[in-house]
Amino acid sequence: MDIGVLLPTGTAQWGPGDDPRELVAFGRQAERSGFSSLFVNDSLISPRVEALTMLAALAPATETVRLGTAALLPFLRRPVQAAQTLASVDLLSGGRLTVAVGAGFPGRFGQPLYDLSEVPWERRFARLDETVALWRALWSGADSFHGEILRFDGIPPAIRPHRLGGPPVWLGGATPAALERTGRSYDGWLPYPPDPADYAAGLRTVRAAALGAGRRAQDIAPAFFVSVRIDEDADRGRRDLDAYARAVYGMPLAELERIQAVVTGSADQVRAGLARYVEAGARHFVVRLGALDLTTQRAQLERVAGVIPALKASASVPAQAAARSREGARPVL
């Protein structure tokens, strides 16, 4: 069971007096508080510390936490250069990197990024899959790559990642096509469905696709992205999350909740809400803290840290039940 936190790298999550250099200390605080991974997200349409720059700063400042992207948008970078940058972060972190990738949101949130990157919007999912295949080839020492979209010959030797074959690559997305592609080709699945039942159904599809491709279902990491705000005053918590949604997405909370998973309320209510996704099969959480300044982010970090032990304990219940089921009618002594 892995509980990670998304670092507030965007300026919309900083107060007037906040110093972005505090983000490294934020990562160290998360590591001390019991979080097992630190994630960053990626964009060009809202100002933020660049994702891989942030991970490079965290690599020597942390010791045990995994470092990840949630999610990286590969089309923003030249593919060969990105392979080398990711290998470098994995090497500098001692093999602690996980790369979740996506093709970007549809419509007004995604297409402008392609325009800025001078990359065609068409065939974006095929481009994403080929980019990941190229990375894996380069991480294994290939000097050429021939896909339908990306073609390279005479690629010079590049630095190798810490781990043979490179860091695990997860896919974000929950469309039927994304589920199939995750099962066939990726190491993990990172969606954000508002309904745990949709998560469970998607995970079944991913695992079925993996088996159909001759892979083991348990080799696909079941991850989950969720926005969280803990407040004993439920109404106040929702008001604060609404302000967060408007500042970060330009939409009210009620609209965001129809698109992405959001859990708020008291510590017990948040634990129960997250536990529903544990029951649905999630084992790697990426928690985004709904706060608009670093002081409140840190306070929320500690509140969420307080529910980690109970959440991890809830993950053992389905496993114990499954074990008893395998034992059939034998009594548990």
C-alpha atoms as a PDB file:
ATOM      1  CA  MET A   1       0.000   0.000   0.000  1.00  0.00           C
ATOM      2  CA  ASP A   2       1.567   3.252  -1.160  1.00  0.00           C
ATOM      3  CA  ILE A   3       0.206   6.661  -0.095  1.00  0.00           C
ATOM      4  CA  GLY A   4       1.780   9.503  -2.043  1.00  0.00           C
ATOM      5  CA  VAL A   5       1.214  13.230  -2.214  1.00  0.00           C
ATOM      6  CA  LEU A   6       1.230  15.644  -5.133  1.00  0.00           C
ATOM      7  CA  LEU A   7       3.539  18.583  -4.489  1.00  0.00           C
ATOM      8  CA  PRO A   8       1.945  22.035  -4.953  1.00  0.00           C
ATOM      9  CA  THR A   9       4.264  23.132  -7.741  1.00  0.00           C
ATOM     10  CA  GLY A  10       1.750  25.506  -9.391  1.00  0.00           C
ATOM     11  CA  THR A  11       1.689  29.176  -8.492  1.00  0.00           C
ATOM     12  CA  ALA A  12      -2.104  28.973  -7.966  1.00  0.00           C
ATOM     13  CA  GLN A  13      -1.307  26.927  -4.850  1.00  0.00           C
ATOM     14  CA  TRP A  14       1.071  29.502  -3.373  1.00  0.00           C
ATOM     15  CA  GLY A  15       0.221  32.414  -1.098  1.00  0.00           C
ATOM     16  CA  PRO A  16       1.618  35.929  -1.660  1.00  0.00           C
ATOM     17  CA  GLY A  17       4.600  35.405   0.643  1.00  0.00           C
ATOM     18  CA  ASP A  18       5.403  31.784  -0.249  1.00  0.00           C
ATOM     19  CA  ASP A  19       8.884  30.843  -1.427  1.00  0.00           C
ATOM     20  CA  PRO A  20       8.864  28.013  -4.011  1.00  0.00           C
ATOM     21  CA  ARG A  21      12.163  26.776  -2.582  1.00  0.00           C
ATOM     22  CA  GLU A  22      10.050  25.545   0.342  1.00  0.00           C
ATOM     23  CA  LEU A  23       8.823  22.751  -1.938  1.00  0.00           C
ATOM     24  CA  VAL A  24      11.945  20.698  -1.234  1.00  0.00           C
ATOM     25  CA  ALA A  25      11.322  21.040   2.507  1.00  0.00           C
ATOM     26  CA  PHE A  26       7.690  20.101   1.843  1.00  0.00           C
ATOM     27  CA  GLY A  27       8.892  16.887   0.225  1.00  0.00           C
ATOM     28  CA  ARG A  28      11.137  16.082   3.173  1.00  0.00           C
ATOM     29  CA  GLN A  29       8.257  16.747   5.567  1.00  0.00           C
ATOM     30  CA  ALA A  30       6.048  14.357   3.609  1.00  0.00           C
ATOM     31  CA  GLU A  31       8.731  11.665   3.788  1.00  0.00           C
ATOM     32  CA  ARG A  32       9.059  12.083   7.572  1.00  0.00           C
ATOM     33  CA  SER A  33       5.268  12.065   7.998  1.00  0.00           C
ATOM     34  CA  GLY A  34       4.784   8.634   6.476  1.00  0.00           C
ATOM     35  CA  PHE A  35       4.055   9.310   2.803  1.00  0.00           C
ATOM     36  CA  SER A  36       5.832   6.786   0.611  1.00  0.00           C
ATOM     37  CA  SER A  37       5.902   8.756  -2.648  1.00  0.00           C
ATOM     38  CA  LEU A  38       6.076  12.323  -3.966  1.00  0.00           C
ATOM     39  CA  PHE A  39       4.477  13.261  -7.281  1.00  0.00           C
ATOM     40  CA  VAL A  40       4.479  16.321  -9.529  1.00  0.00           C
ATOM     41  CA  ASN A  41       2.229  17.256 -12.445  1.00  0.00           C
ATOM     42  CA  ASP A  42       2.938  18.837 -15.796  1.00  0.00           C
ATOM     43  CA  SER A  43       1.511  21.713 -17.843  1.00  0.00           C
ATOM     44  CA  LEU A  44       2.309  24.712 -19.998  1.00  0.00           C
ATOM     45  CA  ILE A  45      -0.974  26.602 -19.681  1.00  0.00           C
ATOM     46  CA  SER A  46      -0.594  27.416 -15.980  1.00  0.00           C
ATOM     47  CA  PRO A  47       2.664  28.600 -14.352  1.00  0.00           C
ATOM     48  CA  ARG A  48       4.442  25.999 -12.233  1.00  0.00           C
ATOM     49  CA  VAL A  49       7.874  24.616 -11.431  1.00  0.00           C
ATOM     50  CA  GLU A  50       8.728  22.299 -14.324  1.00  0.00           C
ATOM     51  CA  ALA A  51       8.022  18.681 -13.376  1.00  0.00           C
ATOM     52  CA  LEU A  52      11.368  17.008 -14.050  1.00  0.00           C
ATOM     53  CA  THR A  53      13.300  19.952 -12.614  1.00  0.00           C
ATOM     54  CA  MET A  54      11.335  19.482  -9.372  1.00  0.00           C
ATOM     55  CA  LEU A  55      12.067  15.758  -9.268  1.00  0.00           C
ATOM     56  CA  ALA A  56      15.771  16.396  -9.883  1.00  0.00           C
ATOM     57  CA  ALA A  57      15.785  18.753  -6.878  1.00  0.00           C
ATOM     58  CA  LEU A  58      13.998  16.162  -4.713  1.00  0.00           C
ATOM     59  CA  ALA A  59      16.266  13.255  -5.661  1.00  0.00           C
ATOM     60  CA  PRO A  60      19.253  14.190  -3.434  1.00  0.00           C
ATOM     61  CA  ALA A  61      17.063  15.800  -0.745  1.00  0.00           C
ATOM     62  CA  THR A  62      15.052  12.634   0.012  1.00  0.00           C
ATOM     63  CA  GLU A  63      16.075   9.102   0.887  1.00  0.00           C
ATOM     64  CA  THR A  64      13.310   6.516   0.607  1.00  0.00           C
ATOM     65  CA  VAL A  65      10.209   8.017  -1.024  1.00  0.00           C
ATOM     66  CA  ARG A  66       9.425   7.157  -4.612  1.00  0.00           C
ATOM     67  CA  LEU A  67       9.394  10.109  -7.003  1.00  0.00           C
ATOM     68  CA  GLY A  68       6.803  10.292  -9.734  1.00  0.00           C
ATOM     69  CA  THR A  69       4.880  12.261 -12.329  1.00  0.00           C
ATOM     70  CA  ALA A  70       1.076  12.495 -12.247  1.00  0.00           C
ATOM     71  CA  ALA A  71       1.043  12.860 -15.069  1.00  0.00           C
ATOM     72  CA  LEU A  72       3.873  13.764 -17.414  1.00  0.00           C
ATOM     73  CA  LEU A  73       2.870  15.002 -20.875  1.00  0.00           C
ATOM     74  CA  PRO A  74       5.585  13.544 -23.136  1.00  0.00           C
ATOM     75  CA  PHE A  75       4.568  15.563 -26.200  1.00  0.00           C
ATOM     76  CA  LEU A  76       5.854  18.704 -24.449  1.00  0.00           C
ATOM     77  CA  ARG A  77       9.439  17.410 -24.842  1.00  0.00           C
ATOM     78  CA  ARG A  78      11.617  15.977 -27.576  1.00  0.00           C
ATOM     79  CA  PRO A  79      11.357  12.207 -27.065  1.00  0.00           C
ATOM     80  CA  VAL A  80      15.056  11.294 -27.109  1.00  0.00           C
ATOM     81  CA  GLN A  81      15.911  14.191 -24.796  1.00  0.00           C
ATOM     82  CA  ALA A  82      13.085  13.200 -22.425  1.00  0.00           C
ATOM     83  CA  ALA A  83      14.382   9.628 -22.272  1.00  0.00           C
ATOM     84  CA  GLN A  84      17.772  10.920 -21.149  1.00  0.00           C
ATOM     85  CA  THR A  85      16.272  13.318 -18.587  1.00  0.00           C
ATOM     86  CA  LEU A  86      14.108  10.580 -17.064  1.00  0.00           C
ATOM     87  CA  ALA A  87      17.056   8.170 -16.981  1.00  0.00           C
ATOM     88  CA  SER A  88      19.093  10.860 -15.210  1.00  0.00           C
ATOM     89  CA  VAL A  89      16.433  11.427 -12.528  1.00  0.00           C
ATOM     90  CA  ASP A  90      16.114   7.676 -12.007  1.00  0.00           C
ATOM     91  CA  LEU A  91      19.894   7.370 -11.704  1.00  0.00           C
ATOM     92  CA  LEU A  92      20.240  10.314  -9.294  1.00  0.00           C
ATOM     93  CA  SER A  93      17.402   9.002  -7.110  1.00  0.00           C
ATOM     94  CA  GLY A  94      18.820   5.497  -6.900  1.00  0.00           C
ATOM     95  CA  GLY A  95      16.010   3.959  -8.935  1.00  0.00           C
ATOM     96  CA  ARG A  96      13.092   5.627  -7.155  1.00  0.00           C
ATOM     97  CA  LEU A  97      11.354   7.082 -10.232  1.00  0.00           C
ATOM     98  CA  THR A  98       7.861   6.189 -11.497  1.00  0.00           C
ATOM     99  CA  VAL A  99       6.630   7.875 -14.684  1.00  0.00           C
ATOM    100  CA  ALA A 100       2.871   8.221 -15.137  1.00  0.00           C
ATOM    101  CA  VAL A 101       2.081   9.656 -18.569  1.00  0.00           C
ATOM    102  CA  GLY A 102      -0.927  11.022 -20.404  1.00  0.00           C
ATOM    103  CA  ALA A 103      -1.875  12.544 -23.743  1.00  0.00           C
ATOM    104  CA  GLY A 104      -3.497  15.609 -22.137  1.00  0.00           C
ATOM    105  CA  PHE A 105      -7.071  16.618 -21.438  1.00  0.00           C
ATOM    106  CA  PRO A 106      -9.471  16.977 -24.378  1.00  0.00           C
ATOM    107  CA  GLY A 107     -10.567  20.367 -25.678  1.00  0.00           C
ATOM    108  CA  ARG A 108      -9.533  23.675 -24.180  1.00  0.00           C
ATOM    109  CA  PHE A 109      -7.279  22.128 -21.512  1.00  0.00           C
ATOM    110  CA  GLY A 110      -5.269  19.970 -23.901  1.00  0.00           C
ATOM    111  CA  GLN A 111      -5.168  21.168 -27.485  1.00  0.00           C
ATOM    112  CA  PRO A 112      -3.401  24.507 -26.764  1.00  0.00           C
ATOM    113  CA  LEU A 113      -0.479  22.511 -25.319  1.00  0.00           C
ATOM    114  CA  TYR A 114      -0.050  20.690 -28.618  1.00  0.00           C
ATOM    115  CA  ASP A 115      -0.068  24.008 -30.459  1.00  0.00           C
ATOM    116  CA  LEU A 116       2.647  25.360 -28.138  1.00  0.00           C
ATOM    117  CA  SER A 117       4.693  22.198 -28.618  1.00  0.00           C
ATOM    118  CA  GLU A 118       4.236  22.187 -32.410  1.00  0.00           C
ATOM    119  CA  VAL A 119       3.014  18.597 -32.235  1.00  0.00           C
ATOM    120  CA  PRO A 120      -0.097  17.446 -34.144  1.00  0.00           C
ATOM    121  CA  TRP A 121      -3.244  16.886 -32.080  1.00  0.00           C
ATOM    122  CA  GLU A 122      -4.190  14.003 -34.385  1.00  0.00           C
ATOM    123  CA  ARG A 123      -2.974  10.511 -33.438  1.00  0.00           C
ATOM    124  CA  ARG A 124      -1.898  11.770 -30.035  1.00  0.00           C
ATOM    125  CA  PHE A 125      -2.517   8.419 -28.325  1.00  0.00           C
ATOM    126  CA  ALA A 126      -0.439   6.522 -30.872  1.00  0.00           C
ATOM    127  CA  ARG A 127       2.308   9.135 -30.449  1.00  0.00           C
ATOM    128  CA  LEU A 128       2.206   8.660 -26.680  1.00  0.00           C
ATOM    129  CA  ASP A 129       2.528   4.869 -26.936  1.00  0.00           C
ATOM    130  CA  GLU A 130       5.371   5.141 -29.431  1.00  0.00           C
ATOM    131  CA  THR A 131       7.191   7.667 -27.242  1.00  0.00           C
ATOM    132  CA  VAL A 132       7.074   5.276 -24.288  1.00  0.00           C
ATOM    133  CA  ALA A 133       8.244   2.415 -26.516  1.00  0.00           C
ATOM    134  CA  LEU A 134      11.126   4.614 -27.712  1.00  0.00           C
ATOM    135  CA  TRP A 135      12.114   5.440 -24.120  1.00  0.00           C
ATOM    136  CA  ARG A 136      12.167   1.787 -23.159  1.00  0.00           C
ATOM    137  CA  ALA A 137      14.266   0.944 -26.194  1.00  0.00           C
ATOM    138  CA  LEU A 138      16.801   3.668 -25.408  1.00  0.00           C
ATOM    139  CA  TRP A 139      16.918   2.699 -21.722  1.00  0.00           C
ATOM    140  CA  SER A 140      17.859  -0.803 -22.873  1.00  0.00           C
ATOM    141  CA  GLY A 141      20.663   0.482 -25.115  1.00  0.00           C
ATOM    142  CA  ALA A 142      19.034   0.677 -28.576  1.00  0.00           C
ATOM    143  CA  ASP A 143      20.669   2.944 -31.159  1.00  0.00           C
ATOM    144  CA  SER A 144      17.664   3.123 -33.485  1.00  0.00           C
ATOM    145  CA  PHE A 145      13.878   3.095 -33.363  1.00  0.00           C
ATOM    146  CA  HIS A 146      11.349   2.644 -36.157  1.00  0.00           C
ATOM    147  CA  GLY A 147       7.710   3.320 -35.347  1.00  0.00           C
ATOM    148  CA  GLU A 148       4.887   4.641 -37.474  1.00  0.00           C
ATOM    149  CA  ILE A 149       5.368   8.196 -36.174  1.00  0.00           C
ATOM    150  CA  LEU A 150       8.803   8.281 -34.526  1.00  0.00           C
ATOM    151  CA  ARG A 151      11.812   7.080 -36.506  1.00  0.00           C
ATOM    152  CA  PHE A 152      15.435   7.478 -35.473  1.00  0.00           C
ATOM    153  CA  ASP A 153      18.723   5.996 -36.719  1.00  0.00           C
ATOM    154  CA  GLY A 154      22.200   6.409 -35.329  1.00  0.00           C
ATOM    155  CA  ILE A 155      21.114   7.440 -31.843  1.00  0.00           C
ATOM    156  CA  PRO A 156      24.299   8.103 -29.844  1.00  0.00           C
ATOM    157  CA  PRO A 157      24.891   6.295 -26.537  1.00  0.00           C
ATOM    158  CA  ALA A 158      22.960   7.844 -23.668  1.00  0.00           C
ATOM    159  CA  ILE A 159      23.079   7.497 -19.929  1.00  0.00           C
ATOM    160  CA  ARG A 160      21.306   4.408 -18.609  1.00  0.00           C
ATOM    161  CA  PRO A 161      18.744   4.563 -15.793  1.00  0.00           C
ATOM    162  CA  HIS A 162      19.449   2.999 -12.424  1.00  0.00           C
ATOM    163  CA  ARG A 163      17.229   0.002 -13.138  1.00  0.00           C
ATOM    164  CA  LEU A 164      17.570  -2.402 -16.035  1.00  0.00           C
ATOM    165  CA  GLY A 165      14.917  -1.425 -18.564  1.00  0.00           C
ATOM    166  CA  GLY A 166      14.220   1.882 -16.871  1.00  0.00           C
ATOM    167  CA  PRO A 167      11.566   3.148 -14.469  1.00  0.00           C
ATOM    168  CA  PRO A 168       8.010   1.787 -14.506  1.00  0.00           C
ATOM    169  CA  VAL A 169       5.641   3.728 -16.771  1.00  0.00           C
ATOM    170  CA  TRP A 170       1.966   4.099 -15.809  1.00  0.00           C
ATOM    171  CA  LEU A 171      -0.858   5.387 -17.993  1.00  0.00           C
ATOM    172  CA  GLY A 172      -3.448   7.922 -16.905  1.00  0.00           C
ATOM    173  CA  GLY A 173      -6.902   7.675 -18.437  1.00  0.00           C
ATOM    174  CA  ALA A 174     -10.096   5.653 -18.180  1.00  0.00           C
ATOM    175  CA  THR A 175     -11.554   5.482 -21.681  1.00  0.00           C
ATOM    176  CA  PRO A 176     -12.116   1.945 -23.010  1.00  0.00           C
ATOM    177  CA  ALA A 177      -9.129   2.370 -25.329  1.00  0.00           C
ATOM    178  CA  ALA A 178      -6.906   3.598 -22.467  1.00  0.00           C
ATOM    179  CA  LEU A 179      -7.862   0.600 -20.327  1.00  0.00           C
ATOM    180  CA  GLU A 180      -6.931  -1.816 -23.098  1.00  0.00           C
ATOM    181  CA  ARG A 181      -3.643  -0.027 -23.790  1.00  0.00           C
ATOM    182  CA  THR A 182      -2.759  -0.024 -20.096  1.00  0.00           C
ATOM    183  CA  GLY A 183      -3.247  -3.768 -19.820  1.00  0.00           C
ATOM    184  CA  ARG A 184      -1.263  -4.471 -22.983  1.00  0.00           C
ATOM    185  CA  SER A 185       1.699  -2.147 -22.595  1.00  0.00           C
ATOM    186  CA  TYR A 186       1.996  -0.213 -19.318  1.00  0.00           C
ATOM    187  CA  ASP A 187       3.244  -0.962 -15.809  1.00  0.00           C
ATOM    188  CA  GLY A 188       0.438   0.789 -13.939  1.00  0.00           C
ATOM    189  CA  TRP A 189      -2.889   2.567 -14.194  1.00  0.00           C
ATOM    190  CA  LEU A 190      -3.521   6.050 -12.706  1.00  0.00           C
ATOM    191  CA  PRO A 191      -7.121   7.265 -13.209  1.00  0.00           C
ATOM    192  CA  TYR A 192      -9.303   9.584 -11.088  1.00  0.00           C
ATOM    193  CA  PRO A 193     -12.929   8.348 -11.404  1.00  0.00           C
ATOM    194  CA  PRO A 194     -15.430   9.996  -9.023  1.00  0.00           C
ATOM    195  CA  ASP A 195     -17.195   6.658  -8.427  1.00  0.00           C
ATOM    196  CA  PRO A 196     -15.307   3.724  -6.819  1.00  0.00           C
ATOM    197  CA  ALA A 197     -17.493   1.324  -8.815  1.00  0.00           C
ATOM    198  CA  ASP A 198     -16.072   2.782 -12.025  1.00  0.00           C
ATOM    199  CA  TYR A 199     -12.564   2.273 -10.658  1.00  0.00           C
ATOM    200  CA  ALA A 200     -13.291  -1.381  -9.884  1.00  0.00           C
ATOM    201  CA  ALA A 201     -14.801  -1.968 -13.333  1.00  0.00           C
ATOM    202  CA  GLY A 202     -11.880  -0.252 -15.057  1.00  0.00           C
ATOM    203  CA  LEU A 203      -9.351  -2.278 -13.099  1.00  0.00           C
ATOM    204  CA  ARG A 204     -11.070  -5.499 -14.141  1.00  0.00           C
ATOM    205  CA  THR A 205     -10.810  -4.428 -17.779  1.00  0.00           C
ATOM    206  CA  VAL A 206      -7.132  -3.509 -17.397  1.00  0.00           C
ATOM    207  CA  ARG A 207      -6.338  -6.872 -15.843  1.00  0.00           C
ATOM    208  CA  ALA A 208      -8.310  -8.757 -18.484  1.00  0.00           C
ATOM    209  CA  ALA A 209      -6.380  -6.893 -21.214  1.00  0.00           C
ATOM    210  CA  ALA A 210      -3.110  -7.787 -19.501  1.00  0.00           C
ATOM    211  CA  LEU A 211      -4.014 -11.470 -19.416  1.00  0.00           C
ATOM    212  CA  GLY A 212      -5.071 -11.293 -23.050  1.00  0.00           C
ATOM    213  CA  ALA A 213      -1.645  -9.902 -23.921  1.00  0.00           C
ATOM    214  CA  GLY A 214       0.120 -12.713 -22.099  1.00  0.00           C
ATOM    215  CA  ARG A 215       1.010 -10.587 -19.086  1.00  0.00           C
ATOM    216  CA  ARG A 216       0.321 -11.159 -15.396  1.00  0.00           C
ATOM    217  CA  ALA A 217      -2.565  -9.081 -14.057  1.00  0.00           C
ATOM    218  CA  GLN A 218      -0.724  -8.412 -10.790  1.00  0.00           C
ATOM    219  CA  ASP A 219       2.126  -6.749 -12.682  1.00  0.00           C
ATOM    220  CA  ILE A 220      -0.093  -3.709 -13.417  1.00  0.00           C
ATOM    221  CA  ALA A 221       0.102  -1.305 -10.460  1.00  0.00           C
ATOM    222  CA  PRO A 222      -3.440  -0.169  -9.497  1.00  0.00           C
ATOM    223  CA  ALA A 223      -3.000   3.535  -8.715  1.00  0.00           C
ATOM    224  CA  PHE A 224      -5.532   6.290  -8.039  1.00  0.00           C
ATOM    225  CA  PHE A 225      -5.433  10.114  -8.118  1.00  0.00           C
ATOM    226  CA  VAL A 226      -7.691  12.029  -5.709  1.00  0.00           C
ATOM    227  CA  SER A 227      -8.107  15.558  -4.340  1.00  0.00           C
ATOM    228  CA  VAL A 228      -8.481  15.691  -0.545  1.00  0.00           C
ATOM    229  CA  ARG A 229      -9.334  18.281   2.087  1.00  0.00           C
ATOM    230  CA  ILE A 230      -9.696  17.370   5.773  1.00  0.00           C
ATOM    231  CA  ASP A 231     -11.787  19.726   7.900  1.00  0.00           C
ATOM    232  CA  GLU A 232     -13.971  18.858  10.875  1.00  0.00           C
ATOM    233  CA  ASP A 233     -16.354  21.555   9.621  1.00  0.00           C
ATOM    234  CA  ALA A 234     -17.646  19.886   6.449  1.00  0.00           C
ATOM    235  CA  ASP A 235     -19.229  23.039   5.033  1.00  0.00           C
ATOM    236  CA  ARG A 236     -16.039  25.026   5.505  1.00  0.00           C
ATOM    237  CA  GLY A 237     -14.032  22.246   3.859  1.00  0.00           C
ATOM    238  CA  ARG A 238     -16.270  22.303   0.811  1.00  0.00           C
ATOM    239  CA  ARG A 239     -16.032  26.094   0.596  1.00  0.00           C
ATOM    240  CA  ASP A 240     -12.240  25.899   0.664  1.00  0.00           C
ATOM    241  CA  LEU A 241     -12.205  23.154  -1.957  1.00  0.00           C
ATOM    242  CA  ASP A 242     -14.557  25.201  -4.109  1.00  0.00           C
ATOM    243  CA  ALA A 243     -12.094  28.099  -3.947  1.00  0.00           C
ATOM    244  CA  TYR A 244      -9.324  25.661  -4.904  1.00  0.00           C
ATOM    245  CA  ALA A 245     -11.264  24.302  -7.886  1.00  0.00           C
ATOM    246  CA  ARG A 246     -12.005  27.803  -9.152  1.00  0.00           C
ATOM    247  CA  ALA A 247      -8.396  28.963  -8.752  1.00  0.00           C
ATOM    248  CA  VAL A 248      -6.783  25.883 -10.321  1.00  0.00           C
ATOM    249  CA  TYR A 249      -9.375  24.795 -12.909  1.00  0.00           C
ATOM    250  CA  GLY A 250     -11.581  27.819 -13.378  1.00  0.00           C
ATOM    251  CA  MET A 251     -14.676  25.804 -12.434  1.00  0.00           C
ATOM    252  CA  PRO A 252     -16.755  25.301  -9.278  1.00  0.00           C
ATOM    253  CA  LEU A 253     -16.277  22.257  -7.073  1.00  0.00           C
ATOM    254  CA  ALA A 254     -19.628  20.792  -8.129  1.00  0.00           C
ATOM    255  CA  GLU A 255     -18.408  20.660 -11.714  1.00  0.00           C
ATOM    256  CA  LEU A 256     -14.962  19.294 -10.833  1.00  0.00           C
ATOM    257  CA  GLU A 257     -16.536  16.492  -8.788  1.00  0.00           C
ATOM    258  CA  ARG A 258     -18.260  15.203 -11.911  1.00  0.00           C
ATOM    259  CA  ILE A 259     -14.865  14.817 -13.591  1.00  0.00           C
ATOM    260  CA  GLN A 260     -12.388  13.897 -10.871  1.00  0.00           C
ATOM    261  CA  ALA A 261     -12.413  12.094  -7.537  1.00  0.00           C
ATOM    262  CA  VAL A 262     -12.724  14.477  -4.591  1.00  0.00           C
ATOM    263  CA  VAL A 263     -12.928  13.428  -0.927  1.00  0.00           C
ATOM    264  CA  THR A 264     -13.523  15.918   1.879  1.00  0.00           C
ATOM    265  CA  GLY A 265     -14.884  16.029   5.419  1.00  0.00           C
ATOM    266  CA  SER A 266     -13.564  15.030   8.833  1.00  0.00           C
ATOM    267  CA  ALA A 267     -10.540  12.755   9.149  1.00  0.00           C
ATOM    268  CA  ASP A 268     -12.856   9.771   9.660  1.00  0.00           C
ATOM    269  CA  GLN A 269     -14.977  10.724   6.659  1.00  0.00           C
ATOM    270  CA  VAL A 270     -11.918  11.114   4.438  1.00  0.00           C
ATOM    271  CA  ARG A 271     -10.500   7.801   5.635  1.00  0.00           C
ATOM    272  CA  ALA A 272     -13.827   6.113   4.869  1.00  0.00           C
ATOM    273  CA  GLY A 273     -14.048   7.786   1.469  1.00  0.00           C
ATOM    274  CA  LEU A 274     -10.552   6.681   0.480  1.00  0.00           C
ATOM    275  CA  ALA A 275     -11.185   3.195   1.871  1.00  0.00           C
ATOM    276  CA  ARG A 276     -13.948   2.761  -0.704  1.00  0.00           C
ATOM    277  CA  TYR A 277     -11.263   2.935  -3.398  1.00  0.00           C
ATOM    278  CA  VAL A 278      -9.106   0.493  -1.452  1.00  0.00           C
ATOM    279  CA  GLU A 279     -12.064  -1.902  -1.558  1.00  0.00           C
ATOM    280  CA  ALA A 280     -12.293  -1.249  -5.303  1.00  0.00           C
ATOM    281  CA  GLY A 281      -8.677  -2.375  -5.700  1.00  0.00           C
ATOM    282  CA  ALA A 282      -6.517   0.770  -5.530  1.00  0.00           C
ATOM    283  CA  ARG A 283      -3.131   0.270  -3.871  1.00  0.00           C
ATOM    284  CA  HIS A 284      -1.132   3.349  -4.917  1.00  0.00           C
ATOM    285  CA  PHE A 285      -2.735   6.659  -3.955  1.00  0.00           C
ATOM    286  CA  VAL A 286      -1.643  10.058  -5.271  1.00  0.00           C
ATOM    287  CA  VAL A 287      -3.300  12.604  -2.972  1.00  0.00           C
ATOM    288  CA  ARG A 288      -3.639  16.214  -4.084  1.00  0.00           C
ATOM    289  CA  LEU A 289      -4.161  18.566  -1.153  1.00  0.00           C
ATOM    290  CA  GLY A 290      -6.893  21.155  -1.722  1.00  0.00           C
ATOM    291  CA  ALA A 291      -5.213  24.293  -0.366  1.00  0.00           C
ATOM    292  CA  LEU A 292      -4.120  27.609  -1.849  1.00  0.00           C
ATOM    293  CA  ASP A 293      -0.982  28.444   0.143  1.00  0.00           C
ATOM    294  CA  LEU A 294       1.998  26.443   1.356  1.00  0.00           C
ATOM    295  CA  THR A 295       1.206  26.916   5.054  1.00  0.00           C
ATOM    296  CA  THR A 296      -2.224  25.349   4.622  1.00  0.00           C
ATOM    297  CA  GLN A 297      -0.755  22.707   2.313  1.00  0.00           C
ATOM    298  CA  ARG A 298       1.585  21.672   5.122  1.00  0.00           C
ATOM    299  CA  ALA A 299      -1.254  21.589   7.649  1.00  0.00           C
ATOM    300  CA  GLN A 300      -3.300  19.403   5.305  1.00  0.00           C
ATOM    301  CA  LEU A 301      -0.254  17.200   4.748  1.00  0.00           C
ATOM    302  CA  GLU A 302      -0.125  16.386   8.452  1.00  0.00           C
ATOM    303  CA  ARG A 303      -3.873  15.811   8.661  1.00  0.00           C
ATOM    304  CA  VAL A 304      -3.796  13.367   5.767  1.00  0.00           C
ATOM    305  CA  ALA A 305      -0.730  11.693   7.265  1.00  0.00           C
ATOM    306  CA  GLY A 306      -2.881  10.975  10.302  1.00  0.00           C
ATOM    307  CA  VAL A 307      -5.199   8.710   8.275  1.00  0.00           C
ATOM    308  CA  ILE A 308      -2.401   6.746   6.564  1.00  0.00           C
ATOM    309  CA  PRO A 309      -2.116   3.959   9.199  1.00  0.00           C
ATOM    310  CA  ALA A 310      -5.864   3.246   9.159  1.00  0.00           C
ATOM    311  CA  LEU A 311      -5.966   3.375   5.354  1.00  0.00           C
ATOM    312  CA  LYS A 312      -3.091   0.921   5.073  1.00  0.00           C
ATOM    313  CA  ALA A 313      -4.814  -1.346   7.582  1.00  0.00           C
ATOM    314  CA  SER A 314      -7.969  -1.332   5.452  1.00  0.00           C
ATOM    315  CA  ALA A 315      -5.934  -2.676   2.523  1.00  0.00           C
ATOM    316  CA  SER A 316      -5.124  -5.830   4.478  1.00  0.00           C
ATOM    317  CA  VAL A 317      -8.797  -6.706   5.019  1.00  0.00           C
ATOM    318  CA  PRO A 318      -9.554  -7.680   1.382  1.00  0.00           C
ATOM    319  CA  ALA A 319      -6.282  -9.629   1.267  1.00  0.00           C
ATOM    320  CA  GLN A 320      -7.187 -11.542   4.416  1.00  0.00           C
ATOM    321  CA  ALA A 321     -10.663 -12.252   3.078  1.00  0.00           C
ATOM    322  CA  ALA A 322      -9.196 -13.528  -0.184  1.00  0.00           C
ATOM    323  CA  ALA A 323      -6.805 -15.777   1.721  1.00  0.00           C
ATOM    324  CA  ARG A 324      -9.671 -17.231   3.745  1.00  0.00           C
ATOM    325  CA  SER A 325     -11.632 -17.762   0.540  1.00  0.00           C
ATOM    326  CA  ARG A 326      -8.722 -19.718  -0.944  1.00  0.00           C
ATOM    327  CA  GLU A 327      -8.615 -21.850   2.182  1.00  0.00           C
ATOM    328  CA  GLY A 328     -12.242 -22.832   1.539  1.00  0.00           C
ATOM    329  CA  ALA A 329     -14.112 -24.061   4.563  1.00  0.00           C
ATOM    330  CA  ARG A 330     -11.071 -24.590   6.761  1.00  0.00           C
ATOM    331  CA  PRO A 331     -11.389 -22.677  10.018  1.00  0.00           C
ATOM    332  CA  VAL A 332      -9.031 -19.767  10.682  1.00  0.00           C
ATOM    333  CA  LEU A 333      -7.154 -20.614  13.906  1.00  0.00           C
END
